[in-house]
């Protein structure tokens, strides 16, 4: 199981990113613990200055803009 956090304070791109990760995980049969983090202190604690950010298993893998589907598929491979 992958522990995934989507960092963002409620922007449309944050929600799109969360849905995309959820969709790809479901399509690939990958179990994920998907959490939305909207506390700015927590987001800055990851060193992310541009949202949405994505943290997988404690490592920041993306910041700023919606990631493309291929990138998400790679993360969940």
N, C-alpha and C. Protein backbone atom coordinates (compact mmCIF):
# COMPACT_ATOMS: atom_id res chain seq x y z
N UNK A 1 0.85 -1.18 0.00
CA UNK A 1 0.00 0.00 0.00
C UNK A 1 0.89 1.24 0.00
N UNK A 2 0.51 2.19 -0.84
CA UNK A 2 1.24 3.45 -0.90
C UNK A 2 0.50 4.50 -0.10
N UNK A 3 1.27 5.27 0.68
CA UNK A 3 0.72 6.36 1.46
C UNK A 3 0.90 7.64 0.64
N UNK A 4 -0.21 8.22 0.18
CA UNK A 4 -0.15 9.37 -0.72
C UNK A 4 -0.88 10.55 -0.08
N UNK A 5 -0.21 11.70 -0.13
CA UNK A 5 -0.82 12.93 0.36
C UNK A 5 -0.87 13.91 -0.80
N UNK A 6 -2.04 14.51 -1.00
CA UNK A 6 -2.19 15.59 -1.98
C UNK A 6 -2.21 16.88 -1.17
N UNK A 7 -1.24 17.73 -1.44
CA UNK A 7 -1.08 18.98 -0.69
C UNK A 7 -1.73 20.12 -1.44
N UNK A 8 -2.61 20.83 -0.77
CA UNK A 8 -3.24 21.99 -1.39
C UNK A 8 -4.40 22.48 -0.55
N UNK A 9 -4.68 23.76 -0.66
CA UNK A 9 -5.69 24.38 0.21
C UNK A 9 -7.04 24.53 -0.48
N UNK A 10 -7.42 23.56 -1.28
CA UNK A 10 -8.77 23.57 -1.84
C UNK A 10 -8.87 24.09 -3.26
N UNK A 11 -7.78 24.22 -3.96
CA UNK A 11 -7.84 24.69 -5.34
C UNK A 11 -8.42 23.60 -6.25
N UNK A 12 -8.93 24.00 -7.39
CA UNK A 12 -9.50 23.04 -8.34
C UNK A 12 -8.45 22.04 -8.82
N UNK A 13 -7.21 22.50 -9.03
CA UNK A 13 -6.15 21.60 -9.47
C UNK A 13 -5.83 20.54 -8.41
N UNK A 14 -5.98 20.90 -7.14
CA UNK A 14 -5.74 19.94 -6.06
C UNK A 14 -6.77 18.83 -6.11
N UNK A 15 -8.01 19.18 -6.33
CA UNK A 15 -9.09 18.19 -6.41
C UNK A 15 -8.92 17.33 -7.66
N UNK A 16 -8.54 17.93 -8.77
CA UNK A 16 -8.30 17.19 -10.01
C UNK A 16 -7.16 16.20 -9.81
N UNK A 17 -6.11 16.61 -9.13
CA UNK A 17 -4.97 15.74 -8.85
C UNK A 17 -5.39 14.57 -7.98
N UNK A 18 -6.16 14.84 -6.95
CA UNK A 18 -6.63 13.77 -6.07
C UNK A 18 -7.47 12.75 -6.83
N UNK A 19 -8.38 13.25 -7.66
CA UNK A 19 -9.25 12.36 -8.45
C UNK A 19 -8.44 11.53 -9.44
N UNK A 20 -7.45 12.15 -10.07
CA UNK A 20 -6.61 11.43 -11.03
C UNK A 20 -5.84 10.30 -10.36
N UNK A 21 -5.26 10.58 -9.21
CA UNK A 21 -4.52 9.55 -8.48
C UNK A 21 -5.45 8.41 -8.07
N UNK A 22 -6.62 8.77 -7.58
CA UNK A 22 -7.61 7.77 -7.17
C UNK A 22 -8.02 6.90 -8.37
N UNK A 23 -8.26 7.53 -9.51
CA UNK A 23 -8.69 6.84 -10.72
C UNK A 23 -7.61 5.88 -11.23
N UNK A 24 -6.37 6.33 -11.28
CA UNK A 24 -5.27 5.49 -11.76
C UNK A 24 -5.03 4.33 -10.80
N UNK A 25 -5.07 4.60 -9.50
CA UNK A 25 -4.88 3.54 -8.51
C UNK A 25 -5.95 2.46 -8.67
N UNK A 26 -7.19 2.89 -8.85
CA UNK A 26 -8.29 1.94 -9.02
C UNK A 26 -8.11 1.12 -10.30
N UNK A 27 -7.76 1.79 -11.39
CA UNK A 27 -7.58 1.11 -12.68
C UNK A 27 -6.45 0.09 -12.63
N UNK A 28 -5.41 0.37 -11.86
CA UNK A 28 -4.25 -0.51 -11.78
C UNK A 28 -4.35 -1.51 -10.63
N UNK A 29 -5.38 -1.37 -9.81
CA UNK A 29 -5.55 -2.28 -8.68
C UNK A 29 -4.51 -2.07 -7.58
N UNK A 30 -4.07 -0.82 -7.44
CA UNK A 30 -3.07 -0.48 -6.43
C UNK A 30 -3.77 0.06 -5.19
N UNK A 31 -3.47 -0.53 -4.06
CA UNK A 31 -4.04 -0.04 -2.80
C UNK A 31 -3.30 1.21 -2.35
N UNK A 32 -4.06 2.26 -2.07
CA UNK A 32 -3.46 3.51 -1.62
C UNK A 32 -4.21 4.04 -0.41
N UNK A 33 -3.47 4.72 0.44
CA UNK A 33 -4.06 5.49 1.52
C UNK A 33 -3.92 6.94 1.07
N UNK A 34 -5.00 7.51 0.54
CA UNK A 34 -4.96 8.84 -0.06
C UNK A 34 -5.51 9.86 0.93
N UNK A 35 -4.69 10.85 1.23
CA UNK A 35 -5.06 11.88 2.21
C UNK A 35 -4.90 13.26 1.59
N UNK A 36 -5.85 14.14 1.86
CA UNK A 36 -5.78 15.53 1.42
C UNK A 36 -5.22 16.36 2.57
N UNK A 37 -4.18 17.11 2.32
CA UNK A 37 -3.57 17.98 3.33
C UNK A 37 -3.80 19.42 2.91
N UNK A 38 -4.57 20.16 3.72
CA UNK A 38 -4.85 21.54 3.36
C UNK A 38 -4.30 22.56 4.36
N UNK A 39 -3.64 22.09 5.39
CA UNK A 39 -3.02 22.98 6.37
C UNK A 39 -1.73 23.57 5.79
N UNK A 40 -1.69 24.89 5.66
CA UNK A 40 -0.53 25.54 5.02
C UNK A 40 0.78 25.27 5.77
N UNK A 41 0.72 25.17 7.08
CA UNK A 41 1.93 24.86 7.84
C UNK A 41 2.47 23.49 7.48
N UNK A 42 1.58 22.52 7.35
CA UNK A 42 1.98 21.16 6.97
C UNK A 42 2.53 21.14 5.54
N UNK A 43 1.87 21.87 4.64
CA UNK A 43 2.32 21.92 3.24
C UNK A 43 3.72 22.51 3.17
N UNK A 44 3.93 23.63 3.87
CA UNK A 44 5.25 24.27 3.87
C UNK A 44 6.29 23.38 4.55
N UNK A 45 5.84 22.56 5.50
CA UNK A 45 6.74 21.62 6.18
C UNK A 45 7.35 20.61 5.22
N UNK A 46 6.66 20.34 4.12
CA UNK A 46 7.20 19.45 3.08
C UNK A 46 8.11 20.21 2.12
N UNK A 47 8.18 21.53 2.26
CA UNK A 47 9.00 22.34 1.36
C UNK A 47 8.30 22.66 0.06
N UNK A 48 7.00 22.46 0.00
CA UNK A 48 6.22 22.72 -1.21
C UNK A 48 5.73 24.16 -1.18
N UNK A 49 6.09 24.90 -2.22
CA UNK A 49 5.70 26.30 -2.30
C UNK A 49 4.58 26.51 -3.33
N UNK A 50 4.38 25.53 -4.21
CA UNK A 50 3.39 25.64 -5.27
C UNK A 50 2.51 24.40 -5.25
N UNK A 51 1.21 24.60 -5.13
CA UNK A 51 0.29 23.47 -5.06
C UNK A 51 -0.39 23.24 -6.41
N UNK A 52 -0.90 22.06 -6.63
CA UNK A 52 -0.91 20.93 -5.73
C UNK A 52 0.45 20.26 -5.65
N UNK A 53 0.68 19.71 -4.48
CA UNK A 53 1.88 18.90 -4.28
C UNK A 53 1.45 17.46 -4.03
N UNK A 54 2.34 16.53 -4.33
CA UNK A 54 2.05 15.13 -4.09
C UNK A 54 3.23 14.53 -3.33
N UNK A 55 2.91 13.86 -2.24
CA UNK A 55 3.91 13.20 -1.41
C UNK A 55 3.55 11.71 -1.40
N UNK A 56 4.51 10.87 -1.77
CA UNK A 56 4.29 9.43 -1.75
C UNK A 56 5.30 8.79 -0.82
N UNK A 57 4.76 8.07 0.16
CA UNK A 57 5.59 7.41 1.17
C UNK A 57 6.64 8.35 1.76
N UNK A 58 6.21 9.59 2.05
CA UNK A 58 7.05 10.56 2.72
C UNK A 58 7.96 11.39 1.82
N UNK A 59 7.94 11.13 0.52
CA UNK A 59 8.82 11.85 -0.42
C UNK A 59 7.99 12.72 -1.37
N UNK A 60 8.36 13.99 -1.50
CA UNK A 60 7.68 14.88 -2.44
C UNK A 60 8.06 14.45 -3.85
N UNK A 61 7.03 14.13 -4.66
CA UNK A 61 7.28 13.70 -6.04
C UNK A 61 6.78 14.71 -7.06
N UNK A 62 6.00 15.70 -6.58
CA UNK A 62 5.43 16.66 -7.52
C UNK A 62 5.02 17.93 -6.78
N UNK A 63 5.17 19.07 -7.45
CA UNK A 63 4.67 20.33 -6.91
C UNK A 63 4.32 21.27 -8.06
N UNK A 64 3.14 21.85 -8.00
CA UNK A 64 2.72 22.84 -8.98
C UNK A 64 2.05 22.26 -10.21
N UNK A 65 0.77 22.51 -10.37
CA UNK A 65 0.03 22.05 -11.54
C UNK A 65 -0.41 20.60 -11.41
N UNK A 66 -1.35 20.23 -12.27
CA UNK A 66 -1.85 18.86 -12.28
C UNK A 66 -0.85 17.97 -13.02
N UNK A 67 -0.42 16.88 -12.38
CA UNK A 67 0.51 15.98 -13.07
C UNK A 67 -0.20 15.27 -14.21
N UNK A 68 0.57 14.86 -15.23
CA UNK A 68 -0.08 14.12 -16.32
C UNK A 68 -0.26 12.66 -15.90
N UNK A 69 -1.17 12.00 -16.58
CA UNK A 69 -1.56 10.64 -16.24
C UNK A 69 -0.37 9.68 -16.25
N UNK A 70 0.53 9.82 -17.23
CA UNK A 70 1.69 8.92 -17.30
C UNK A 70 2.57 9.04 -16.07
N UNK A 71 2.71 10.25 -15.56
CA UNK A 71 3.51 10.47 -14.36
C UNK A 71 2.88 9.74 -13.18
N UNK A 72 1.57 9.86 -13.03
CA UNK A 72 0.86 9.18 -11.94
C UNK A 72 0.99 7.67 -12.10
N UNK A 73 0.87 7.17 -13.31
CA UNK A 73 1.03 5.73 -13.55
C UNK A 73 2.42 5.25 -13.14
N UNK A 74 3.42 6.05 -13.39
CA UNK A 74 4.79 5.70 -12.99
C UNK A 74 4.91 5.65 -11.48
N UNK A 75 4.31 6.61 -10.80
CA UNK A 75 4.37 6.62 -9.34
C UNK A 75 3.73 5.37 -8.75
N UNK A 76 2.67 4.89 -9.38
CA UNK A 76 1.90 3.77 -8.85
C UNK A 76 2.32 2.42 -9.40
N UNK A 77 3.37 2.41 -10.22
CA UNK A 77 3.84 1.14 -10.80
C UNK A 77 4.48 0.26 -9.75
